[in-house]
Amino acid sequence: GLVTAPISKDQAARAGFSFPGHTEYLAARSGTASFAMMLAGPDLRVTVATTHIGLSEVPGRLTVAGIAETIRLTTEALARDFGFSRPRVAVCGLNPHAGESGRFGDEEARLVTPAIEEARDALGRAGIDALVTGPAVPDAVFRQAAVDKLYDG
């Protein structure tokens, strides 16, 4: 594992640093093709599906395969690095109320739900017993994870 400190992305770019952040730089330097950025604390671990892009770009950058890979990497890390024997992972939706059956967007049905199924299949093939749920309502899942302790990541 590696812990990094925040850096000014603007100042780093001005100094000639060509990567948008630590995550991409470290992946390139180590030759790692499959990676994710996890923010981890004592009671809450969050892995993001996209890194270092503007919010307006997120929907266009999400893919079923990319979301599934993030879920798989997160779940494997929770088992291997954090010692959870059966990791409980909540996958947040992109939209308010996790899309509310298409009322607030279709990304949950089109991208997130198929990605969860793909990740579950991959985890099963890898022999990792995990409870992966979602798409979860984004604002609710953080309270459920941090306060109610319903999830490990």
Protein backbone atom coordinates (compact mmCIF):
# COMPACT_ATOMS: atom_id res chain seq x y z
CA GLY A 1 0.00 0.00 0.00
CA LEU A 2 0.97 3.59 -0.46
CA VAL A 3 -0.34 6.71 1.21
CA THR A 4 0.02 10.02 -0.61
CA ALA A 5 -0.50 13.58 0.52
CA PRO A 6 -2.57 16.11 -1.39
CA ILE A 7 -0.77 18.13 -4.04
CA SER A 8 -1.76 21.19 -5.98
CA LYS A 9 -2.62 19.81 -9.40
CA ASP A 10 -2.28 23.31 -10.86
CA GLN A 11 1.21 23.85 -9.47
CA ALA A 12 2.29 20.34 -10.46
CA ALA A 13 1.15 20.98 -14.05
CA ARG A 14 2.94 24.33 -14.11
CA ALA A 15 6.12 22.54 -13.02
CA GLY A 16 5.81 20.14 -15.97
CA PHE A 17 4.12 17.21 -14.22
CA SER A 18 2.10 15.73 -17.09
CA PHE A 19 -0.22 13.49 -15.04
CA PRO A 20 -3.54 14.68 -13.61
CA GLY A 21 -2.68 13.20 -10.19
CA HIS A 22 -0.74 10.68 -8.11
CA THR A 23 -2.97 7.81 -9.11
CA GLU A 24 -2.26 7.96 -12.81
CA TYR A 25 1.43 8.75 -12.29
CA LEU A 26 2.01 5.80 -9.95
CA ALA A 27 0.12 3.44 -12.27
CA ALA A 28 2.24 4.53 -15.23
CA ARG A 29 5.51 4.31 -13.29
CA SER A 30 4.72 0.83 -12.01
CA GLY A 31 3.30 -0.43 -15.31
CA THR A 32 -0.05 -1.10 -13.68
CA ALA A 33 -2.96 -1.27 -16.11
CA SER A 34 -5.69 -2.04 -13.57
CA PHE A 35 -5.87 0.45 -10.70
CA ALA A 36 -8.24 2.55 -8.64
CA MET A 37 -8.03 5.33 -6.08
CA MET A 38 -9.38 4.46 -2.64
CA LEU A 39 -9.84 6.96 0.16
CA ALA A 40 -9.59 4.93 3.35
CA GLY A 41 -10.22 5.78 6.97
CA PRO A 42 -10.87 3.75 10.10
CA ASP A 43 -14.61 3.37 9.43
CA LEU A 44 -15.13 4.17 5.78
CA ARG A 45 -13.41 3.22 2.53
CA VAL A 46 -14.47 4.82 -0.76
CA THR A 47 -13.18 3.97 -4.22
CA VAL A 48 -14.06 6.27 -7.08
CA ALA A 49 -14.91 5.04 -10.58
CA THR A 50 -13.23 8.02 -12.26
CA THR A 51 -10.23 10.09 -11.23
CA HIS A 52 -9.16 13.65 -11.85
CA ILE A 53 -11.78 14.73 -14.37
CA GLY A 54 -14.45 17.39 -14.30
CA LEU A 55 -17.88 16.41 -13.06
CA SER A 56 -19.39 17.21 -16.46
CA GLU A 57 -17.16 14.53 -18.02
CA VAL A 58 -18.09 11.72 -15.63
CA PRO A 59 -21.19 10.29 -17.39
CA GLY A 60 -19.34 10.04 -20.70
CA ARG A 61 -16.33 8.32 -19.15
CA LEU A 62 -18.21 5.64 -17.23
CA THR A 63 -18.37 2.17 -18.75
CA VAL A 64 -19.75 -1.13 -17.54
CA ALA A 65 -16.26 -2.65 -17.71
CA GLY A 66 -14.66 0.26 -15.85
CA ILE A 67 -17.22 0.25 -13.05
CA ALA A 68 -17.00 -3.54 -12.75
CA GLU A 69 -13.20 -3.33 -12.51
CA THR A 70 -13.45 -0.71 -9.76
CA ILE A 71 -15.86 -2.92 -7.82
CA ARG A 72 -13.58 -5.95 -8.25
CA LEU A 73 -10.44 -4.08 -7.20
CA THR A 74 -12.21 -2.61 -4.18
CA THR A 75 -13.62 -5.92 -3.06
CA GLU A 76 -10.30 -7.71 -3.49
CA ALA A 77 -8.53 -5.01 -1.47
CA LEU A 78 -11.12 -5.22 1.31
CA ALA A 79 -10.53 -8.97 1.54
CA ARG A 80 -6.77 -9.01 1.06
CA ASP A 81 -5.57 -5.74 2.59
CA PHE A 82 -8.26 -4.90 5.13
CA GLY A 83 -8.99 -8.45 6.33
CA PHE A 84 -12.73 -8.62 5.67
CA SER A 85 -13.68 -12.28 5.26
CA ARG A 86 -16.86 -11.38 3.36
CA PRO A 87 -16.60 -7.76 2.21
CA ARG A 88 -19.85 -5.80 2.09
CA VAL A 89 -19.64 -3.33 -0.79
CA ALA A 90 -22.24 -0.73 -1.68
CA VAL A 91 -22.06 0.60 -5.23
CA CYS A 92 -23.48 4.10 -5.45
CA GLY A 93 -25.56 5.29 -8.33
CA LEU A 94 -24.49 8.33 -10.27
CA ASN A 95 -27.75 10.24 -10.04
CA PRO A 96 -29.89 11.53 -7.16
CA HIS A 97 -31.94 8.72 -5.65
CA ALA A 98 -29.85 6.28 -7.75
CA GLY A 99 -31.80 7.38 -10.81
CA GLU A 100 -35.24 6.62 -9.33
CA SER A 101 -36.07 4.05 -12.03
CA GLY A 102 -34.96 6.38 -14.82
CA ARG A 103 -36.61 9.56 -13.52
CA PHE A 104 -33.20 11.18 -12.88
CA GLY A 105 -31.07 9.51 -15.53
CA ASP A 106 -30.46 6.09 -17.01
CA GLU A 107 -26.86 5.47 -15.96
CA GLU A 108 -27.88 3.17 -13.12
CA ALA A 109 -29.85 0.83 -15.39
CA ARG A 110 -27.52 1.17 -18.37
CA LEU A 111 -24.14 1.08 -16.61
CA VAL A 112 -24.14 0.48 -12.86
CA THR A 113 -26.48 -2.52 -12.59
CA PRO A 114 -24.76 -4.48 -15.39
CA ALA A 115 -21.37 -3.61 -13.87
CA ILE A 116 -22.43 -4.98 -10.49
CA GLU A 117 -23.47 -8.25 -12.16
CA GLU A 118 -20.20 -8.42 -14.09
CA ALA A 119 -18.19 -7.77 -10.92
CA ARG A 120 -20.12 -10.38 -8.94
CA ASP A 121 -19.38 -12.94 -11.65
CA ALA A 122 -15.66 -12.06 -11.69
CA LEU A 123 -15.44 -12.18 -7.90
CA GLY A 124 -17.20 -15.55 -7.85
CA ARG A 125 -14.78 -16.94 -10.42
CA ALA A 126 -11.91 -15.66 -8.25
CA GLY A 127 -13.36 -17.41 -5.20
CA ILE A 128 -14.06 -14.18 -3.31
CA ASP A 129 -17.18 -14.32 -1.18
CA ALA A 130 -18.62 -10.81 -1.05
CA LEU A 131 -21.91 -9.00 -0.72
CA VAL A 132 -22.03 -6.40 -3.49
CA THR A 133 -25.20 -4.32 -3.52
CA GLY A 134 -26.52 -1.39 -5.49
CA PRO A 135 -27.03 0.86 -7.18
CA ALA A 136 -27.42 2.57 -3.83
CA VAL A 137 -28.70 6.08 -3.19
CA PRO A 138 -25.44 8.06 -2.97
CA ASP A 139 -26.26 10.40 -0.08
CA ALA A 140 -27.82 7.61 1.99
CA VAL A 141 -25.07 5.04 1.52
CA PHE A 142 -22.42 7.16 3.22
CA ARG A 143 -24.46 7.40 6.40
CA GLN A 144 -25.29 3.70 6.19
CA ALA A 145 -21.60 2.86 5.88
CA ALA A 146 -20.14 5.35 8.38
CA VAL A 147 -22.84 5.40 11.06
CA ASP A 148 -24.82 2.19 10.67
CA LYS A 149 -21.76 0.11 9.65
CA LEU A 150 -23.72 -1.69 6.93
CA TYR A 151 -20.83 -1.71 4.46
CA ASP A 152 -17.07 -2.18 4.45
CA GLY A 153 -16.45 -0.22 1.29
